[in-house]
Amino acid sequence: MGKGKIAVQVGHATITASEETRRHHPEWWKGWFNEGQCKVVVKVNSESELHELKRQADELGLASAIIHDSGLTQVEPGTATCLGIGPAPAEVVDKITGTLPLL
């Protein structure tokens, strides 16, 4: 994916996961929102890694959302392009993503 496409997918993931957090962990969401809405973007090597990270987030009770593209531009329809996790306490999110390289 091109840089613009990646930015849009990250935006979709951020909004979707943050709305889930707002509903299920409002105290986490409020802290994140009031502190500047920090986002960290890391990369994985495969769609299967996205699904494994989603499973881990679910196990820890974190809000998470896999974004599937509609396929109108650069990827096939239904392709999982991005995973949003949180917002949540950094030490909890780091258990899942802390060893991944930054994008």
N, C-alpha and C. Protein backbone atom coordinates (compact mmCIF):
# COMPACT_ATOMS: atom_id res chain seq x y z
N MET A 1 0.84 -1.18 0.00
CA MET A 1 0.00 0.00 0.00
C MET A 1 0.89 1.24 0.00
N GLY A 2 0.38 2.27 -0.65
CA GLY A 2 1.09 3.54 -0.64
C GLY A 2 0.93 4.25 0.70
N LYS A 3 1.73 5.30 0.91
CA LYS A 3 1.72 6.02 2.19
C LYS A 3 0.34 6.60 2.51
N GLY A 4 -0.32 7.16 1.52
CA GLY A 4 -1.65 7.73 1.75
C GLY A 4 -2.65 6.68 2.15
N LYS A 5 -2.61 5.54 1.46
CA LYS A 5 -3.52 4.43 1.76
C LYS A 5 -3.29 3.93 3.19
N ILE A 6 -2.02 3.80 3.58
CA ILE A 6 -1.70 3.36 4.94
C ILE A 6 -2.26 4.36 5.95
N ALA A 7 -2.08 5.64 5.68
CA ALA A 7 -2.58 6.68 6.60
C ALA A 7 -4.09 6.57 6.79
N VAL A 8 -4.81 6.34 5.72
CA VAL A 8 -6.27 6.21 5.80
C VAL A 8 -6.65 4.96 6.60
N GLN A 9 -5.97 3.86 6.37
CA GLN A 9 -6.29 2.62 7.09
C GLN A 9 -6.02 2.79 8.58
N VAL A 10 -4.92 3.46 8.93
CA VAL A 10 -4.62 3.74 10.34
C VAL A 10 -5.71 4.62 10.94
N GLY A 11 -6.18 5.59 10.18
CA GLY A 11 -7.27 6.44 10.65
C GLY A 11 -8.52 5.64 10.94
N HIS A 12 -8.89 4.73 10.03
CA HIS A 12 -10.06 3.86 10.26
C HIS A 12 -9.89 3.04 11.53
N ALA A 13 -8.70 2.46 11.70
CA ALA A 13 -8.44 1.62 12.87
C ALA A 13 -8.48 2.42 14.16
N THR A 14 -7.92 3.63 14.12
CA THR A 14 -7.92 4.49 15.31
C THR A 14 -9.33 4.83 15.74
N ILE A 15 -10.14 5.27 14.82
CA ILE A 15 -11.52 5.65 15.14
C ILE A 15 -12.31 4.45 15.66
N THR A 16 -12.21 3.33 14.97
CA THR A 16 -13.00 2.15 15.33
C THR A 16 -12.61 1.62 16.70
N ALA A 17 -11.32 1.45 16.95
CA ALA A 17 -10.88 0.92 18.24
C ALA A 17 -11.14 1.92 19.37
N SER A 18 -10.94 3.21 19.10
CA SER A 18 -11.16 4.19 20.17
C SER A 18 -12.64 4.28 20.54
N GLU A 19 -13.53 4.14 19.58
CA GLU A 19 -14.96 4.14 19.90
C GLU A 19 -15.34 2.91 20.74
N GLU A 20 -14.75 1.78 20.43
CA GLU A 20 -14.99 0.58 21.24
C GLU A 20 -14.48 0.80 22.67
N THR A 21 -13.30 1.40 22.79
CA THR A 21 -12.75 1.70 24.11
C THR A 21 -13.66 2.67 24.86
N ARG A 22 -14.15 3.68 24.17
CA ARG A 22 -15.03 4.67 24.81
C ARG A 22 -16.26 4.00 25.42
N ARG A 23 -16.78 2.99 24.74
CA ARG A 23 -17.97 2.27 25.24
C ARG A 23 -17.64 1.32 26.39
N HIS A 24 -16.50 0.62 26.30
CA HIS A 24 -16.21 -0.45 27.26
C HIS A 24 -15.23 -0.06 28.38
N HIS A 25 -14.37 0.92 28.11
CA HIS A 25 -13.38 1.38 29.11
C HIS A 25 -13.34 2.91 29.06
N PRO A 26 -14.43 3.57 29.45
CA PRO A 26 -14.47 5.03 29.31
C PRO A 26 -13.35 5.76 30.04
N GLU A 27 -12.86 5.22 31.14
CA GLU A 27 -11.78 5.89 31.87
C GLU A 27 -10.48 5.87 31.06
N TRP A 28 -10.20 4.77 30.35
CA TRP A 28 -9.03 4.71 29.48
C TRP A 28 -9.19 5.70 28.34
N TRP A 29 -10.37 5.71 27.74
CA TRP A 29 -10.61 6.61 26.60
C TRP A 29 -10.46 8.06 27.02
N LYS A 30 -11.03 8.44 28.15
CA LYS A 30 -10.98 9.82 28.61
C LYS A 30 -9.53 10.25 28.87
N GLY A 31 -8.75 9.39 29.52
CA GLY A 31 -7.35 9.71 29.77
C GLY A 31 -6.58 9.88 28.47
N TRP A 32 -6.79 8.98 27.53
CA TRP A 32 -6.12 9.04 26.22
C TRP A 32 -6.51 10.33 25.50
N PHE A 33 -7.79 10.64 25.49
CA PHE A 33 -8.27 11.82 24.78
C PHE A 33 -7.70 13.10 25.39
N ASN A 34 -7.72 13.18 26.70
CA ASN A 34 -7.26 14.39 27.38
C ASN A 34 -5.74 14.57 27.34
N GLU A 35 -5.01 13.49 27.10
CA GLU A 35 -3.54 13.56 27.05
C GLU A 35 -2.99 13.69 25.64
N GLY A 36 -3.85 13.92 24.64
CA GLY A 36 -3.36 14.18 23.29
C GLY A 36 -3.55 13.07 22.28
N GLN A 37 -4.24 12.01 22.64
CA GLN A 37 -4.55 10.89 21.74
C GLN A 37 -3.31 10.26 21.10
N CYS A 38 -2.35 9.87 21.91
CA CYS A 38 -1.12 9.24 21.43
C CYS A 38 -1.44 8.03 20.56
N LYS A 39 -0.70 7.91 19.46
CA LYS A 39 -0.81 6.75 18.56
C LYS A 39 0.59 6.28 18.22
N VAL A 40 0.79 4.99 18.19
CA VAL A 40 2.06 4.40 17.79
C VAL A 40 1.74 3.43 16.67
N VAL A 41 2.45 3.55 15.54
CA VAL A 41 2.18 2.70 14.39
C VAL A 41 3.36 1.76 14.20
N VAL A 42 3.06 0.46 14.26
CA VAL A 42 4.07 -0.57 14.08
C VAL A 42 3.68 -1.43 12.89
N LYS A 43 4.58 -2.29 12.47
CA LYS A 43 4.28 -3.12 11.30
C LYS A 43 4.44 -4.60 11.59
N VAL A 44 3.72 -5.38 10.80
CA VAL A 44 3.82 -6.83 10.83
C VAL A 44 4.10 -7.31 9.41
N ASN A 45 4.36 -8.59 9.28
CA ASN A 45 4.72 -9.13 7.97
C ASN A 45 3.60 -9.85 7.26
N SER A 46 2.47 -10.08 7.94
CA SER A 46 1.42 -10.85 7.29
C SER A 46 0.06 -10.57 7.91
N GLU A 47 -0.95 -10.92 7.17
CA GLU A 47 -2.32 -10.81 7.66
C GLU A 47 -2.54 -11.75 8.84
N SER A 48 -1.90 -12.90 8.81
CA SER A 48 -2.06 -13.85 9.93
C SER A 48 -1.51 -13.26 11.22
N GLU A 49 -0.45 -12.45 11.14
CA GLU A 49 0.07 -11.78 12.33
C GLU A 49 -0.95 -10.79 12.88
N LEU A 50 -1.66 -10.08 12.00
CA LEU A 50 -2.71 -9.17 12.47
C LEU A 50 -3.76 -9.94 13.28
N HIS A 51 -4.17 -11.08 12.76
CA HIS A 51 -5.19 -11.87 13.44
C HIS A 51 -4.69 -12.41 14.78
N GLU A 52 -3.41 -12.78 14.84
CA GLU A 52 -2.84 -13.26 16.10
C GLU A 52 -2.78 -12.12 17.12
N LEU A 53 -2.41 -10.94 16.70
CA LEU A 53 -2.39 -9.79 17.61
C LEU A 53 -3.80 -9.46 18.09
N LYS A 54 -4.77 -9.56 17.22
CA LYS A 54 -6.17 -9.33 17.60
C LYS A 54 -6.58 -10.34 18.67
N ARG A 55 -6.21 -11.59 18.49
CA ARG A 55 -6.53 -12.63 19.46
C ARG A 55 -5.92 -12.29 20.82
N GLN A 56 -4.67 -11.84 20.82
CA GLN A 56 -4.01 -11.47 22.07
C GLN A 56 -4.69 -10.28 22.73
N ALA A 57 -5.08 -9.30 21.93
CA ALA A 57 -5.78 -8.13 22.48
C ALA A 57 -7.11 -8.55 23.10
N ASP A 58 -7.81 -9.44 22.44
CA ASP A 58 -9.08 -9.94 22.97
C ASP A 58 -8.87 -10.66 24.30
N GLU A 59 -7.81 -11.46 24.37
CA GLU A 59 -7.50 -12.19 25.61
C GLU A 59 -7.24 -11.25 26.78
N LEU A 60 -6.64 -10.09 26.50
CA LEU A 60 -6.34 -9.12 27.55
C LEU A 60 -7.49 -8.15 27.81
N GLY A 61 -8.59 -8.32 27.08
CA GLY A 61 -9.75 -7.46 27.27
C GLY A 61 -9.59 -6.06 26.68
N LEU A 62 -8.72 -5.93 25.70
CA LEU A 62 -8.49 -4.64 25.06
C LEU A 62 -9.42 -4.46 23.86
N ALA A 63 -9.86 -3.25 23.65
CA ALA A 63 -10.60 -2.94 22.43
C ALA A 63 -9.64 -3.10 21.26
N SER A 64 -10.15 -3.69 20.19
CA SER A 64 -9.33 -3.85 18.99
C SER A 64 -10.24 -3.98 17.78
N ALA A 65 -9.71 -3.62 16.63
CA ALA A 65 -10.51 -3.68 15.41
C ALA A 65 -9.60 -3.95 14.22
N ILE A 66 -9.91 -5.00 13.48
CA ILE A 66 -9.22 -5.25 12.21
C ILE A 66 -10.01 -4.54 11.13
N ILE A 67 -9.31 -3.79 10.30
CA ILE A 67 -9.92 -3.06 9.20
C ILE A 67 -9.76 -3.89 7.92
N HIS A 68 -10.88 -4.09 7.24
CA HIS A 68 -10.88 -4.79 5.96
C HIS A 68 -11.22 -3.79 4.86
N ASP A 69 -10.37 -3.70 3.87
CA ASP A 69 -10.52 -2.71 2.81
C ASP A 69 -11.62 -3.12 1.83
N SER A 70 -12.27 -2.12 1.26
CA SER A 70 -13.32 -2.40 0.28
C SER A 70 -12.74 -2.75 -1.09
N GLY A 71 -11.45 -2.55 -1.28
CA GLY A 71 -10.80 -3.00 -2.50
C GLY A 71 -11.01 -2.12 -3.71
N LEU A 72 -11.29 -0.86 -3.52
CA LEU A 72 -11.55 0.02 -4.66
C LEU A 72 -10.29 0.59 -5.29
N THR A 73 -9.15 0.50 -4.61
CA THR A 73 -7.95 1.13 -5.16
C THR A 73 -6.75 0.19 -5.22
N GLN A 74 -6.10 -0.10 -4.11
CA GLN A 74 -4.78 -0.74 -4.15
C GLN A 74 -4.73 -2.19 -3.71
N VAL A 75 -5.75 -2.68 -3.01
CA VAL A 75 -5.72 -4.05 -2.51
C VAL A 75 -7.02 -4.76 -2.88
N GLU A 76 -7.01 -6.07 -2.78
CA GLU A 76 -8.20 -6.86 -3.09
C GLU A 76 -9.30 -6.61 -2.07
N PRO A 77 -10.57 -6.67 -2.49
CA PRO A 77 -11.67 -6.48 -1.54
C PRO A 77 -11.57 -7.46 -0.37
N GLY A 78 -11.81 -6.94 0.82
CA GLY A 78 -11.80 -7.78 2.02
C GLY A 78 -10.44 -7.97 2.65
N THR A 79 -9.40 -7.43 2.07
CA THR A 79 -8.05 -7.58 2.62
C THR A 79 -7.97 -6.90 4.00
N ALA A 80 -7.45 -7.62 4.98
CA ALA A 80 -7.20 -7.03 6.30
C ALA A 80 -5.96 -6.15 6.16
N THR A 81 -6.13 -4.86 6.42
CA THR A 81 -5.04 -3.91 6.18
C THR A 81 -4.43 -3.35 7.46
N CYS A 82 -5.17 -3.36 8.55
CA CYS A 82 -4.71 -2.65 9.74
C CYS A 82 -5.44 -3.19 10.96
N LEU A 83 -4.78 -3.11 12.10
CA LEU A 83 -5.38 -3.49 13.38
C LEU A 83 -5.20 -2.33 14.34
N GLY A 84 -6.30 -1.85 14.88
CA GLY A 84 -6.24 -0.84 15.93
C GLY A 84 -6.38 -1.52 17.28
N ILE A 85 -5.55 -1.15 18.23
CA ILE A 85 -5.63 -1.68 19.59
C ILE A 85 -5.67 -0.49 20.55
N GLY A 86 -6.64 -0.53 21.45
CA GLY A 86 -6.73 0.51 22.47
C GLY A 86 -7.57 1.68 22.01
N PRO A 87 -7.44 2.76 22.71
CA PRO A 87 -6.45 3.11 23.70
C PRO A 87 -6.59 2.31 25.00
N ALA A 88 -5.45 2.14 25.63
CA ALA A 88 -5.35 1.39 26.88
C ALA A 88 -4.02 1.77 27.54
N PRO A 89 -3.83 1.38 28.78
CA PRO A 89 -2.54 1.66 29.43
C PRO A 89 -1.38 1.10 28.59
N ALA A 90 -0.34 1.91 28.42
CA ALA A 90 0.79 1.54 27.56
C ALA A 90 1.40 0.21 27.96
N GLU A 91 1.50 -0.05 29.26
CA GLU A 91 2.14 -1.29 29.69
C GLU A 91 1.33 -2.52 29.28
N VAL A 92 0.04 -2.37 29.08
CA VAL A 92 -0.79 -3.49 28.64
C VAL A 92 -0.66 -3.66 27.12
N VAL A 93 -0.76 -2.57 26.39
CA VAL A 93 -0.62 -2.65 24.93
C VAL A 93 0.77 -3.16 24.56
N ASP A 94 1.79 -2.73 25.30
CA ASP A 94 3.16 -3.17 25.01
C ASP A 94 3.35 -4.68 25.15
N LYS A 95 2.51 -5.34 25.93
CA LYS A 95 2.59 -6.80 26.02
C LYS A 95 2.32 -7.44 24.67
N ILE A 96 1.56 -6.75 23.82
CA ILE A 96 1.21 -7.28 22.50
C ILE A 96 2.11 -6.71 21.41
N THR A 97 2.35 -5.42 21.45
CA THR A 97 3.03 -4.76 20.34
C THR A 97 4.44 -4.26 20.65
N GLY A 98 4.87 -4.40 21.88
CA GLY A 98 6.12 -3.79 22.33
C GLY A 98 7.37 -4.24 21.58
N THR A 99 7.37 -5.40 20.97
CA THR A 99 8.56 -5.87 20.27
C THR A 99 8.49 -5.64 18.76
N LEU A 100 7.38 -5.08 18.27
CA LEU A 100 7.22 -4.87 16.83
C LEU A 100 7.96 -3.61 16.38
N PRO A 101 8.50 -3.62 15.16
CA PRO A 101 9.20 -2.44 14.67
C PRO A 101 8.24 -1.32 14.29
N LEU A 102 8.68 -0.08 14.48
CA LEU A 102 7.88 1.06 14.06
C LEU A 102 7.75 1.08 12.53
N LEU A 103 6.61 1.57 12.06
CA LEU A 103 6.42 1.74 10.63
C LEU A 103 7.18 2.96 10.22
